[in-house]
Amino acid sequence: MTRASRTSISGLFDGAASRYLTNLAGLIGEFAEDLIEEIRFEREFSQDSRKLSELRDAEDRLFRQVWYNRHWNLRTEIERGKHKLVTYEEWEKAGPKRRQKMTVDTVWERALAAAKRTEEELGPDEMGPWTNFEWGMINGKLSAIRWVMGDEWDMLDT
């Protein structure tokens, strides 16, 4: 179509109920701005991956938070008399089922020292207590980071 013929048909459009345009993107942008923004976002969005050092730091912090919480649960069991501190010899003599409710006293001493270090290094704001939701988030984050780094899902050993 020549310029002359385009000009000749533009008069057929009144500008109110109909219009003559040669730019489809402008028309779509005028009537479907959200769609244009969504398409632009999908085409142009870019997000940098986290560095391995960031993942390792986060995994270490989350590991220590989970460990610390489990330590406090065991500490509570010991204080309530539901879990016993025993010598290595006593632990050796006990069967596997009884050992589940026992901790060797020297191992416990090292656990107390580790808990103190964890408190000092992470600080009080990182030690809990957490709501059930927050606890789920901490465990979920630990599982996800470990998965990205090569572990299986739900790897929450501490």
Foldseek 3Di string as FASTA:
>chain_A
DDPVVLVVCQVVAPVPPGGDDPDVVVVCCVVPVVVVVVVCCVVPDDDDDDDPVVLVVLLVLLLLLVLLVVLVVLVVCPVVVQAEADAPVVLVPDDPVNNVRYDHNVVNVVVVVSSVVSCVVVHPVSRDDDDPVVVVVSQQSNQVSVVVVPDDGSPNDD
